[in-house]
C-alpha atoms as a PDB file:
ATOM      1  CA  MET A   1     154.666  52.578-176.662  1.00  0.00           C
ATOM      2  CA  VAL A   2     152.683  54.420-173.550  1.00  0.00           C
ATOM      3  CA  TRP A   3     148.871  54.755-174.304  1.00  0.00           C
ATOM      4  CA  GLN A   4     146.629  57.238-172.846  1.00  0.00           C
ATOM      5  CA  TRP A   5     142.877  56.465-172.532  1.00  0.00           C
ATOM      6  CA  ASP A   6     140.211  59.052-172.429  1.00  0.00           C
ATOM      7  CA  ARG A   7     137.568  57.226-170.326  1.00  0.00           C
ATOM      8  CA  ARG A   8     134.867  59.831-171.477  1.00  0.00           C
ATOM      9  CA  LYS A   9     135.435  59.178-174.968  1.00  0.00           C
ATOM     10  CA  ASN A  10     136.353  55.754-174.495  1.00  0.00           C
ATOM     11  CA  SER A  11     139.434  56.124-177.010  1.00  0.00           C
ATOM     12  CA  ILE A  12     142.967  55.774-176.712  1.00  0.00           C
ATOM     13  CA  GLU A  13     146.018  57.786-178.368  1.00  0.00           C
ATOM     14  CA  CYS A  14     149.715  57.008-178.273  1.00  0.00           C
ATOM     15  CA  ALA A  15     151.338  59.298-175.834  1.00  0.00           C
ATOM     16  CA  HIS A  16     154.826  58.270-175.739  1.00  0.00           C
ATOM     17  CA  VAL A  17     157.242  56.427-177.918  1.00  0.00           C
ATOM     18  CA  CYS A  18     159.741  54.873-175.956  1.00  0.00           C
ATOM     19  CA  ARG A  19     163.043  54.157-177.586  1.00  0.00           C
ATOM     20  CA  GLY A  20     166.191  52.194-175.915  1.00  0.00           C
ATOM     21  CA  HIS A  21     166.049  48.732-176.172  1.00  0.00           C
ATOM     22  CA  LEU A  22     167.837  46.597-178.930  1.00  0.00           C
ATOM     23  CA  ARG A  23     165.670  43.684-178.596  1.00  0.00           C
ATOM     24  CA  SER A  24     162.092  42.942-178.269  1.00  0.00           C
ATOM     25  CA  VAL A  25     160.733  44.152-174.823  1.00  0.00           C
ATOM     26  CA  GLU A  26     159.666  41.221-172.733  1.00  0.00           C
ATOM     27  CA  CYS A  27     158.071  42.731-169.586  1.00  0.00           C
ATOM     28  CA  VAL A  28     156.929  46.019-168.312  1.00  0.00           C
ATOM     29  CA  ALA A  29     155.856  47.354-164.657  1.00  0.00           C
ATOM     30  CA  ALA A  30     154.670  50.533-163.319  1.00  0.00           C
ATOM     31  CA  ASN A  31     155.538  52.059-159.796  1.00  0.00           C
ATOM     32  CA  ALA A  32     152.848  52.566-157.371  1.00  0.00           C
ATOM     33  CA  ALA A  33     152.336  56.406-157.957  1.00  0.00           C
ATOM     34  CA  ARG A  34     152.291  55.767-161.709  1.00  0.00           C
ATOM     35  CA  SER A  35     155.099  58.050-162.478  1.00  0.00           C
ATOM     36  CA  HIS A  36     157.581  56.015-163.438  1.00  0.00           C
ATOM     37  CA  PHE A  37     157.709  52.457-165.128  1.00  0.00           C
ATOM     38  CA  ALA A  38     160.337  49.661-166.048  1.00  0.00           C
ATOM     39  CA  SER A  39     161.052  47.374-168.840  1.00  0.00           C
ATOM     40  CA  GLY A  40     162.746  44.564-169.422  1.00  0.00           C
ATOM     41  CA  SER A  41     164.141  42.878-172.689  1.00  0.00           C
ATOM     42  CA  TRP A  42     165.618  40.164-174.830  1.00  0.00           C
ATOM     43  CA  ASP A  43     168.892  42.569-174.838  1.00  0.00           C
ATOM     44  CA  GLY A  44     169.302  41.840-171.218  1.00  0.00           C
ATOM     45  CA  MET A  45     168.622  45.587-169.962  1.00  0.00           C
ATOM     46  CA  LEU A  46     166.370  46.871-167.414  1.00  0.00           C
ATOM     47  CA  LYS A  47     165.597  50.492-168.082  1.00  0.00           C
ATOM     48  CA  ILE A  48     163.718  52.961-166.052  1.00  0.00           C
ATOM     49  CA  TRP A  49     161.272  55.480-167.981  1.00  0.00           C
ATOM     50  CA  SER A  50     159.376  58.473-166.727  1.00  0.00           C
ATOM     51  CA  THR A  51     155.607  58.760-167.560  1.00  0.00           C
ATOM     52  CA  GLU A  52     155.728  62.731-167.217  1.00  0.00           C
ATOM     53  CA  ALA A  53     154.832  63.876-170.939  1.00  0.00           C
ATOM     54  CA  ALA A  54     155.118  67.426-169.793  1.00  0.00           C
ATOM     55  CA  ALA A  55     158.866  67.144-169.151  1.00  0.00           C
ATOM     56  CA  ALA A  56     160.878  69.713-170.522  1.00  0.00           C
ATOM     57  CA  GLU A  57     163.832  69.035-173.102  1.00  0.00           C
ATOM     58  CA  ASP A  58     167.133  70.072-171.365  1.00  0.00           C
ATOM     59  CA  GLY A  59     169.537  68.656-173.869  1.00  0.00           C
ATOM     60  CA  GLU A  60     171.150  65.973-171.532  1.00  0.00           C
ATOM     61  CA  SER A  61     172.219  62.819-172.567  1.00  0.00           C
ATOM     62  CA  SER A  62     169.411  59.889-172.711  1.00  0.00           C
ATOM     63  CA  GLU A  63     170.577  57.947-169.581  1.00  0.00           C
ATOM     64  CA  GLN A  64     171.546  61.498-167.662  1.00  0.00           C
ATOM     65  CA  SER A  65     168.099  62.810-167.913  1.00  0.00           C
ATOM     66  CA  HIS A  66     164.365  61.796-168.110  1.00  0.00           C
ATOM     67  CA  LYS A  67     163.560  65.387-169.302  1.00  0.00           C
ATOM     68  CA  LYS A  68     165.078  64.784-172.885  1.00  0.00           C
ATOM     69  CA  LEU A  69     161.504  64.470-174.793  1.00  0.00           C
ATOM     70  CA  LYS A  70     161.395  65.147-178.618  1.00  0.00           C
ATOM     71  CA  SER A  71     158.527  65.514-180.706  1.00  0.00           C
ATOM     72  CA  ASN A  72     157.201  62.775-183.027  1.00  0.00           C
ATOM     73  CA  SER A  73     154.552  62.798-185.678  1.00  0.00           C
ATOM     74  CA  GLY A  74     151.120  63.645-184.141  1.00  0.00           C
ATOM     75  CA  SER A  75     151.081  64.381-180.362  1.00  0.00           C
ATOM     76  CA  SER A  76     153.136  61.581-179.197  1.00  0.00           C
ATOM     77  CA  LEU A  77     156.888  61.993-177.721  1.00  0.00           C
ATOM     78  CA  THR A  78     159.654  60.228-178.620  1.00  0.00           C
ATOM     79  CA  CYS A  79     161.503  59.431-174.816  1.00  0.00           C
ATOM     80  CA  THR A  80     164.518  58.079-173.476  1.00  0.00           C
ATOM     81  CA  PRO A  81     165.109  55.994-170.396  1.00  0.00           C
ATOM     82  CA  ILE A  82     166.520  57.867-167.286  1.00  0.00           C
ATOM     83  CA  LEU A  83     168.298  54.977-166.071  1.00  0.00           C
ATOM     84  CA  THR A  84     169.717  51.849-167.812  1.00  0.00           C
ATOM     85  CA  LEU A  85     171.060  48.852-165.500  1.00  0.00           C
ATOM     86  CA  SER A  86     172.768  45.982-166.847  1.00  0.00           C
ATOM     87  CA  SER A  87     173.775  42.507-164.916  1.00  0.00           C
ATOM     88  CA  HIS A  88     171.410  39.910-166.528  1.00  0.00           C
ATOM     89  CA  THR A  89     173.029  37.600-169.342  1.00  0.00           C
ATOM     90  CA  GLU A  90     169.582  36.637-170.575  1.00  0.00           C
ATOM     91  CA  SER A  91     166.074  38.239-171.194  1.00  0.00           C
ATOM     92  CA  LEU A  92     164.192  39.515-168.489  1.00  0.00           C
ATOM     93  CA  SER A  93     160.719  37.600-167.919  1.00  0.00           C
ATOM     94  CA  SER A  94     159.414  39.529-165.130  1.00  0.00           C
ATOM     95  CA  ILE A  95     159.772  42.822-163.377  1.00  0.00           C
ATOM     96  CA  VAL A  96     158.027  43.734-159.606  1.00  0.00           C
ATOM     97  CA  TRP A  97     158.465  47.310-157.624  1.00  0.00           C
ATOM     98  CA  THR A  98     159.046  46.223-154.388  1.00  0.00           C
ATOM     99  CA  GLY A  99     159.702  50.070-153.061  1.00  0.00           C
ATOM    100  CA  ALA A 100     159.686  53.556-154.379  1.00  0.00           C
ATOM    101  CA  ASN A 101     163.140  53.172-155.469  1.00  0.00           C
ATOM    102  CA  GLU A 102     163.450  49.277-155.737  1.00  0.00           C
ATOM    103  CA  VAL A 103     162.693  46.715-158.196  1.00  0.00           C
ATOM    104  CA  CYS A 104     163.174  42.958-158.484  1.00  0.00           C
ATOM    105  CA  THR A 105     163.612  41.151-161.561  1.00  0.00           C
ATOM    106  CA  GLY A 106     163.385  37.517-162.889  1.00  0.00           C
ATOM    107  CA  SER A 107     165.203  36.401-165.840  1.00  0.00           C
ATOM    108  CA  TRP A 108     165.850  33.309-168.619  1.00  0.00           C
ATOM    109  CA  ASP A 109     169.438  33.452-166.655  1.00  0.00           C
ATOM    110  CA  HIS A 110     167.866  31.536-163.607  1.00  0.00           C
ATOM    111  CA  THR A 111     168.197  34.386-161.686  1.00  0.00           C
ATOM    112  CA  ILE A 112     166.246  36.965-159.662  1.00  0.00           C
ATOM    113  CA  LYS A 113     167.822  40.434-158.671  1.00  0.00           C
ATOM    114  CA  PHE A 114     167.024  43.179-156.459  1.00  0.00           C
ATOM    115  CA  TRP A 115     167.856  46.619-158.122  1.00  0.00           C
ATOM    116  CA  ASP A 116     168.459  49.717-155.877  1.00  0.00           C
ATOM    117  CA  LEU A 117     167.349  52.578-158.366  1.00  0.00           C
ATOM    118  CA  GLU A 118     168.640  55.341-156.407  1.00  0.00           C
ATOM    119  CA  ALA A 119     172.170  54.238-156.036  1.00  0.00           C
ATOM    120  CA  GLY A 120     171.640  52.821-159.681  1.00  0.00           C
ATOM    121  CA  ASN A 121     173.002  49.142-158.897  1.00  0.00           C
ATOM    122  CA  MET A 122     172.200  45.823-158.199  1.00  0.00           C
ATOM    123  CA  LYS A 123     171.531  44.929-154.481  1.00  0.00           C
ATOM    124  CA  HIS A 124     171.816  40.924-154.676  1.00  0.00           C
ATOM    125  CA  SER A 125     170.957  38.109-156.445  1.00  0.00           C
ATOM    126  CA  LEU A 126     169.243  34.681-155.878  1.00  0.00           C
ATOM    127  CA  SER A 127     169.770  31.842-158.280  1.00  0.00           C
ATOM    128  CA  GLY A 128     167.544  28.958-159.146  1.00  0.00           C
ATOM    129  CA  ALA A 129     167.925  25.955-161.124  1.00  0.00           C
ATOM    130  CA  LYS A 130     165.451  26.785-164.421  1.00  0.00           C
ATOM    131  CA  VAL A 131     164.132  29.513-166.111  1.00  0.00           C
ATOM    132  CA  PHE A 132     162.224  32.276-164.239  1.00  0.00           C
ATOM    133  CA  LEU A 133     159.195  33.111-166.071  1.00  0.00           C
ATOM    134  CA  ASP A 134     156.932  35.309-163.352  1.00  0.00           C
ATOM    135  CA  LEU A 135     157.484  36.865-160.156  1.00  0.00           C
ATOM    136  CA  SER A 136     154.990  38.411-157.649  1.00  0.00           C
ATOM    137  CA  TRP A 137     156.060  40.586-154.310  1.00  0.00           C
ATOM    138  CA  SER A 138     153.706  40.673-151.155  1.00  0.00           C
ATOM    139  CA  PRO A 139     153.865  44.260-149.920  1.00  0.00           C
ATOM    140  CA  ARG A 140     152.644  42.998-146.712  1.00  0.00           C
ATOM    141  CA  SER A 141     155.020  40.043-146.070  1.00  0.00           C
ATOM    142  CA  LYS A 142     157.824  41.118-148.266  1.00  0.00           C
ATOM    143  CA  LEU A 143     157.800  37.870-149.470  1.00  0.00           C
ATOM    144  CA  VAL A 144     158.375  37.060-153.216  1.00  0.00           C
ATOM    145  CA  LEU A 145     156.761  34.313-155.395  1.00  0.00           C
ATOM    146  CA  SER A 146     158.608  32.570-158.386  1.00  0.00           C
ATOM    147  CA  ALA A 147     157.171  30.822-161.407  1.00  0.00           C
ATOM    148  CA  SER A 148     159.469  28.497-162.912  1.00  0.00           C
ATOM    149  CA  ALA A 149     160.202  26.390-166.085  1.00  0.00           C
ATOM    150  CA  ASP A 150     160.990  23.426-163.579  1.00  0.00           C
ATOM    151  CA  ARG A 151     156.890  23.331-162.797  1.00  0.00           C
ATOM    152  CA  HIS A 152     157.523  24.845-159.250  1.00  0.00           C
ATOM    153  CA  VAL A 153     156.359  27.899-157.379  1.00  0.00           C
ATOM    154  CA  ARG A 154     158.661  28.779-154.910  1.00  0.00           C
ATOM    155  CA  LEU A 155     158.507  31.556-151.957  1.00  0.00           C
ATOM    156  CA  TRP A 156     161.579  33.431-151.221  1.00  0.00           C
ATOM    157  CA  ASP A 157     162.448  35.584-148.464  1.00  0.00           C
ATOM    158  CA  PRO A 158     165.187  37.944-149.865  1.00  0.00           C
ATOM    159  CA  ARG A 159     165.474  39.798-146.427  1.00  0.00           C
ATOM    160  CA  VAL A 160     167.533  36.436-145.395  1.00  0.00           C
ATOM    161  CA  THR A 161     171.076  36.736-145.054  1.00  0.00           C
ATOM    162  CA  GLU A 162     171.802  33.330-143.548  1.00  0.00           C
ATOM    163  CA  GLY A 163     169.913  30.144-144.081  1.00  0.00           C
ATOM    164  CA  ALA A 164     167.259  29.122-146.757  1.00  0.00           C
ATOM    165  CA  VAL A 165     166.363  31.765-148.406  1.00  0.00           C
ATOM    166  CA  VAL A 166     163.171  29.440-150.239  1.00  0.00           C
ATOM    167  CA  LYS A 167     160.862  29.128-147.571  1.00  0.00           C
ATOM    168  CA  SER A 168     158.391  27.068-149.486  1.00  0.00           C
ATOM    169  CA  THR A 169     158.014  24.866-152.812  1.00  0.00           C
ATOM    170  CA  PHE A 170     154.820  24.549-154.395  1.00  0.00           C
ATOM    171  CA  THR A 171     154.662  21.407-156.592  1.00  0.00           C
ATOM    172  CA  SER A 172     151.558  20.285-158.628  1.00  0.00           C
ATOM    173  CA  HIS A 173     151.940  21.653-162.101  1.00  0.00           C
ATOM    174  CA  THR A 174     152.943  19.038-164.659  1.00  0.00           C
ATOM    175  CA  GLY A 175     154.129  21.888-167.077  1.00  0.00           C
ATOM    176  CA  TRP A 176     155.931  25.019-166.906  1.00  0.00           C
ATOM    177  CA  VAL A 177     154.574  27.491-164.460  1.00  0.00           C
ATOM    178  CA  SER A 178     154.063  30.795-166.628  1.00  0.00           C
ATOM    179  CA  CYS A 179     152.515  33.064-164.391  1.00  0.00           C
ATOM    180  CA  VAL A 180     151.826  34.011-160.229  1.00  0.00           C
ATOM    181  CA  SER A 181     149.923  36.678-158.334  1.00  0.00           C
ATOM    182  CA  TRP A 182     149.366  37.046-154.821  1.00  0.00           C
ATOM    183  CA  SER A 183     145.758  37.562-153.629  1.00  0.00           C
ATOM    184  CA  PRO A 184     145.057  41.361-153.390  1.00  0.00           C
ATOM    185  CA  ASP A 185     143.270  40.964-149.797  1.00  0.00           C
ATOM    186  CA  ASN A 186     144.670  37.774-148.374  1.00  0.00           C
ATOM    187  CA  ASP A 187     148.346  37.433-147.164  1.00  0.00           C
ATOM    188  CA  ASN A 188     148.046  33.537-147.426  1.00  0.00           C
ATOM    189  CA  THR A 189     146.932  33.032-150.989  1.00  0.00           C
ATOM    190  CA  PHE A 190     147.940  32.991-154.244  1.00  0.00           C
ATOM    191  CA  ILE A 191     147.223  31.604-157.765  1.00  0.00           C
ATOM    192  CA  SER A 192     149.001  30.253-160.448  1.00  0.00           C
ATOM    193  CA  GLY A 193     148.924  29.348-164.224  1.00  0.00           C
ATOM    194  CA  SER A 194     150.680  27.008-166.109  1.00  0.00           C
ATOM    195  CA  TYR A 195     151.214  25.507-169.743  1.00  0.00           C
ATOM    196  CA  ASP A 196     149.169  22.277-168.245  1.00  0.00           C
ATOM    197  CA  ASN A 197     146.123  24.592-168.926  1.00  0.00           C
ATOM    198  CA  LEU A 198     145.393  24.822-165.190  1.00  0.00           C
ATOM    199  CA  LEU A 199     145.028  27.646-163.011  1.00  0.00           C
ATOM    200  CA  LYS A 200     145.936  26.666-159.015  1.00  0.00           C
ATOM    201  CA  LEU A 201     144.883  28.351-155.936  1.00  0.00           C
ATOM    202  CA  TRP A 202     147.278  28.049-153.203  1.00  0.00           C
ATOM    203  CA  ASP A 203     147.377  28.715-149.333  1.00  0.00           C
ATOM    204  CA  VAL A 204     150.730  29.170-147.992  1.00  0.00           C
ATOM    205  CA  ARG A 205     149.858  27.959-144.211  1.00  0.00           C
ATOM    206  CA  ARG A 206     149.306  24.490-146.057  1.00  0.00           C
END
C-alpha cells in the first residue's frame, strides 16, 4: 500500500493498493523524483510501479501500462506494476536506485544484480558467498556497500570489468550485518548495523 500524508492535518490515508507480488514484500525504494518505486518480494520478483494516482485507465494489461488504475473501496486505487523483472532465485532483500532508469538489488541467492529499466533486462550480476541483507549506493563515488550474513561489509565498484570488483572488506561485527548506509554529507564514511546489537561508523580510507 502507498500512503499519503497530509502534513497540515497530520493525518494519512491509503492512496494506492498495489497488487502483483505472489508472496510477502521484503523491500521497497522510491526513485529520486518520487515518480516511481521498486519493490522486491519473496517471490523473487522485482516490480516497478508508478506513484501517479491521476493516471487514466486505458485498458492495457498490467505489465504493458502503468496507467491502468481501477477504483477500490473509498478513495484508494488499485494499481498494477509497469514492469516485472525476474532473475533472482531467492527473495530480494534490498533495492537501491542507481540512476533514473537503473536499479540495483541484493538477494538471499547470494547475488547483487544491476537492472536497466528502460531496456527491461539485467545488465550484470555480482556473486558473493552468503546472503546479502542490505545495500547502499553512493551517487558521488558510484560505489556500492553490501551488508552480508557472513558478518562483513564489502565495498564494490560495479564499473570494473577486469580485476577485483570488491575494493575493500570491513570486518568487525560478530553477527549478521543487517543494514548499511553511506553518510549523506561525507563521501568516505558509512554506518553499519548488526545482529550483534552494535552500530559501527567506518571510514573507507582506513
